[in-house]
Amino acid sequence: MKKEDVISILKLAQDQKLPENLNSDSGLNLDSVKGLIERGYIQAIDISSKSGDGFIKPKITLAGV
Protein backbone atom coordinates (compact mmCIF):
# COMPACT_ATOMS: atom_id res chain seq x y z
CA MET A 1 0.00 0.00 0.00
CA LYS A 2 1.30 3.41 -0.94
CA LYS A 3 1.08 6.01 1.80
CA GLU A 4 -0.36 8.57 -0.64
CA ASP A 5 -3.14 6.18 -1.71
CA VAL A 6 -4.02 5.33 1.89
CA ILE A 7 -4.23 8.98 2.92
CA SER A 8 -6.28 9.88 -0.15
CA ILE A 9 -8.74 7.01 0.37
CA LEU A 10 -9.17 7.74 4.08
CA LYS A 11 -9.70 11.45 3.33
CA LEU A 12 -12.40 10.60 0.78
CA ALA A 13 -14.01 8.21 3.25
CA GLN A 14 -13.95 10.77 6.05
CA ASP A 15 -15.55 13.37 3.76
CA GLN A 16 -18.13 10.74 2.68
CA LYS A 17 -17.00 11.11 -0.94
CA LEU A 18 -16.05 7.52 -1.73
CA PRO A 19 -17.96 6.04 -4.65
CA GLU A 20 -20.83 3.74 -3.61
CA ASN A 21 -19.31 1.00 -5.77
CA LEU A 22 -15.53 0.49 -5.65
CA ASN A 23 -14.17 -1.54 -8.55
CA SER A 24 -11.53 -1.24 -11.25
CA ASP A 25 -13.50 1.63 -12.82
CA SER A 26 -13.54 3.74 -9.65
CA GLY A 27 -10.00 5.07 -10.15
CA LEU A 28 -8.84 4.07 -6.67
CA ASN A 29 -6.09 1.61 -5.76
CA LEU A 30 -8.15 -1.46 -4.81
CA ASP A 31 -5.18 -3.13 -3.10
CA SER A 32 -5.03 -0.17 -0.72
CA VAL A 33 -8.81 -0.26 -0.22
CA LYS A 34 -8.63 -3.98 0.54
CA GLY A 35 -5.77 -3.41 3.00
CA LEU A 36 -7.72 -0.67 4.80
CA ILE A 37 -10.73 -2.97 5.06
CA GLU A 38 -8.61 -5.84 6.41
CA ARG A 39 -7.10 -3.51 9.02
CA GLY A 40 -10.51 -2.21 10.09
CA TYR A 41 -10.13 1.39 8.87
CA ILE A 42 -12.89 1.08 6.28
CA GLN A 43 -15.99 -1.08 6.33
CA ALA A 44 -17.52 -2.34 3.05
CA ILE A 45 -19.37 -5.27 1.55
CA ASP A 46 -17.01 -7.44 -0.49
CA ILE A 47 -18.43 -8.25 -3.93
CA SER A 48 -15.18 -9.55 -5.41
CA SER A 49 -15.36 -12.27 -8.05
CA LYS A 50 -13.08 -14.10 -10.44
CA SER A 51 -13.14 -11.03 -12.68
CA GLY A 52 -11.67 -8.78 -9.99
CA ASP A 53 -12.02 -7.04 -6.65
CA GLY A 54 -15.07 -4.99 -5.80
CA PHE A 55 -16.70 -3.44 -2.74
CA ILE A 56 -19.98 -1.64 -2.12
CA LYS A 57 -21.22 0.72 0.56
CA PRO A 58 -17.78 1.72 1.87
CA LYS A 59 -17.57 3.87 4.96
CA ILE A 60 -14.87 4.91 7.39
CA THR A 61 -14.72 3.31 10.82
CA LEU A 62 -13.80 5.01 14.08
CA ALA A 63 -10.32 3.49 13.78
CA GLY A 64 -10.01 5.03 10.31
CA VAL A 65 -10.87 8.50 11.57
C-alpha atoms as a PDB file:
ATOM      1  CA  MET A   1       0.000   0.000   0.000  1.00  0.00           C
ATOM      2  CA  LYS A   2       1.295   3.411  -0.937  1.00  0.00           C
ATOM      3  CA  LYS A   3       1.080   6.007   1.795  1.00  0.00           C
ATOM      4  CA  GLU A   4      -0.358   8.573  -0.636  1.00  0.00           C
ATOM      5  CA  ASP A   5      -3.136   6.178  -1.705  1.00  0.00           C
ATOM      6  CA  VAL A   6      -4.024   5.332   1.886  1.00  0.00           C
ATOM      7  CA  ILE A   7      -4.231   8.984   2.923  1.00  0.00           C
ATOM      8  CA  SER A   8      -6.282   9.876  -0.152  1.00  0.00           C
ATOM      9  CA  ILE A   9      -8.741   7.011   0.367  1.00  0.00           C
ATOM     10  CA  LEU A  10      -9.171   7.738   4.082  1.00  0.00           C
ATOM     11  CA  LYS A  11      -9.704  11.446   3.334  1.00  0.00           C
ATOM     12  CA  LEU A  12     -12.397  10.598   0.781  1.00  0.00           C
ATOM     13  CA  ALA A  13     -14.011   8.211   3.247  1.00  0.00           C
ATOM     14  CA  GLN A  14     -13.949  10.770   6.048  1.00  0.00           C
ATOM     15  CA  ASP A  15     -15.545  13.369   3.757  1.00  0.00           C
ATOM     16  CA  GLN A  16     -18.126  10.740   2.676  1.00  0.00           C
ATOM     17  CA  LYS A  17     -17.005  11.110  -0.941  1.00  0.00           C
ATOM     18  CA  LEU A  18     -16.053   7.521  -1.727  1.00  0.00           C
ATOM     19  CA  PRO A  19     -17.965   6.044  -4.654  1.00  0.00           C
ATOM     20  CA  GLU A  20     -20.830   3.740  -3.612  1.00  0.00           C
ATOM     21  CA  ASN A  21     -19.313   1.001  -5.771  1.00  0.00           C
ATOM     22  CA  LEU A  22     -15.533   0.487  -5.648  1.00  0.00           C
ATOM     23  CA  ASN A  23     -14.169  -1.540  -8.548  1.00  0.00           C
ATOM     24  CA  SER A  24     -11.525  -1.241 -11.255  1.00  0.00           C
ATOM     25  CA  ASP A  25     -13.502   1.630 -12.824  1.00  0.00           C
ATOM     26  CA  SER A  26     -13.538   3.744  -9.646  1.00  0.00           C
ATOM     27  CA  GLY A  27      -9.999   5.065 -10.148  1.00  0.00           C
ATOM     28  CA  LEU A  28      -8.835   4.070  -6.668  1.00  0.00           C
ATOM     29  CA  ASN A  29      -6.091   1.612  -5.764  1.00  0.00           C
ATOM     30  CA  LEU A  30      -8.151  -1.455  -4.808  1.00  0.00           C
ATOM     31  CA  ASP A  31      -5.184  -3.133  -3.104  1.00  0.00           C
ATOM     32  CA  SER A  32      -5.029  -0.172  -0.724  1.00  0.00           C
ATOM     33  CA  VAL A  33      -8.808  -0.258  -0.223  1.00  0.00           C
ATOM     34  CA  LYS A  34      -8.630  -3.977   0.538  1.00  0.00           C
ATOM     35  CA  GLY A  35      -5.771  -3.414   2.996  1.00  0.00           C
ATOM     36  CA  LEU A  36      -7.719  -0.673   4.798  1.00  0.00           C
ATOM     37  CA  ILE A  37     -10.735  -2.967   5.058  1.00  0.00           C
ATOM     38  CA  GLU A  38      -8.611  -5.840   6.406  1.00  0.00           C
ATOM     39  CA  ARG A  39      -7.103  -3.513   9.023  1.00  0.00           C
ATOM     40  CA  GLY A  40     -10.512  -2.209  10.087  1.00  0.00           C
ATOM     41  CA  TYR A  41     -10.135   1.386   8.874  1.00  0.00           C
ATOM     42  CA  ILE A  42     -12.889   1.083   6.277  1.00  0.00           C
ATOM     43  CA  GLN A  43     -15.986  -1.075   6.327  1.00  0.00           C
ATOM     44  CA  ALA A  44     -17.516  -2.337   3.052  1.00  0.00           C
ATOM     45  CA  ILE A  45     -19.372  -5.269   1.554  1.00  0.00           C
ATOM     46  CA  ASP A  46     -17.011  -7.439  -0.494  1.00  0.00           C
ATOM     47  CA  ILE A  47     -18.429  -8.248  -3.932  1.00  0.00           C
ATOM     48  CA  SER A  48     -15.176  -9.552  -5.415  1.00  0.00           C
ATOM     49  CA  SER A  49     -15.363 -12.268  -8.049  1.00  0.00           C
ATOM     50  CA  LYS A  50     -13.079 -14.095 -10.445  1.00  0.00           C
ATOM     51  CA  SER A  51     -13.137 -11.033 -12.685  1.00  0.00           C
ATOM     52  CA  GLY A  52     -11.666  -8.777  -9.985  1.00  0.00           C
ATOM     53  CA  ASP A  53     -12.016  -7.037  -6.650  1.00  0.00           C
ATOM     54  CA  GLY A  54     -15.071  -4.989  -5.798  1.00  0.00           C
ATOM     55  CA  PHE A  55     -16.698  -3.438  -2.744  1.00  0.00           C
ATOM     56  CA  ILE A  56     -19.979  -1.640  -2.122  1.00  0.00           C
ATOM     57  CA  LYS A  57     -21.223   0.719   0.560  1.00  0.00           C
ATOM     58  CA  PRO A  58     -17.776   1.719   1.866  1.00  0.00           C
ATOM     59  CA  LYS A  59     -17.573   3.874   4.964  1.00  0.00           C
ATOM     60  CA  ILE A  60     -14.875   4.907   7.385  1.00  0.00           C
ATOM     61  CA  THR A  61     -14.718   3.313  10.822  1.00  0.00           C
ATOM     62  CA  LEU A  62     -13.803   5.010  14.081  1.00  0.00           C
ATOM     63  CA  ALA A  63     -10.320   3.490  13.777  1.00  0.00           C
ATOM     64  CA  GLY A  64     -10.012   5.031  10.306  1.00  0.00           C
ATOM     65  CA  VAL A  65     -10.870   8.495  11.570  1.00  0.00           C
END
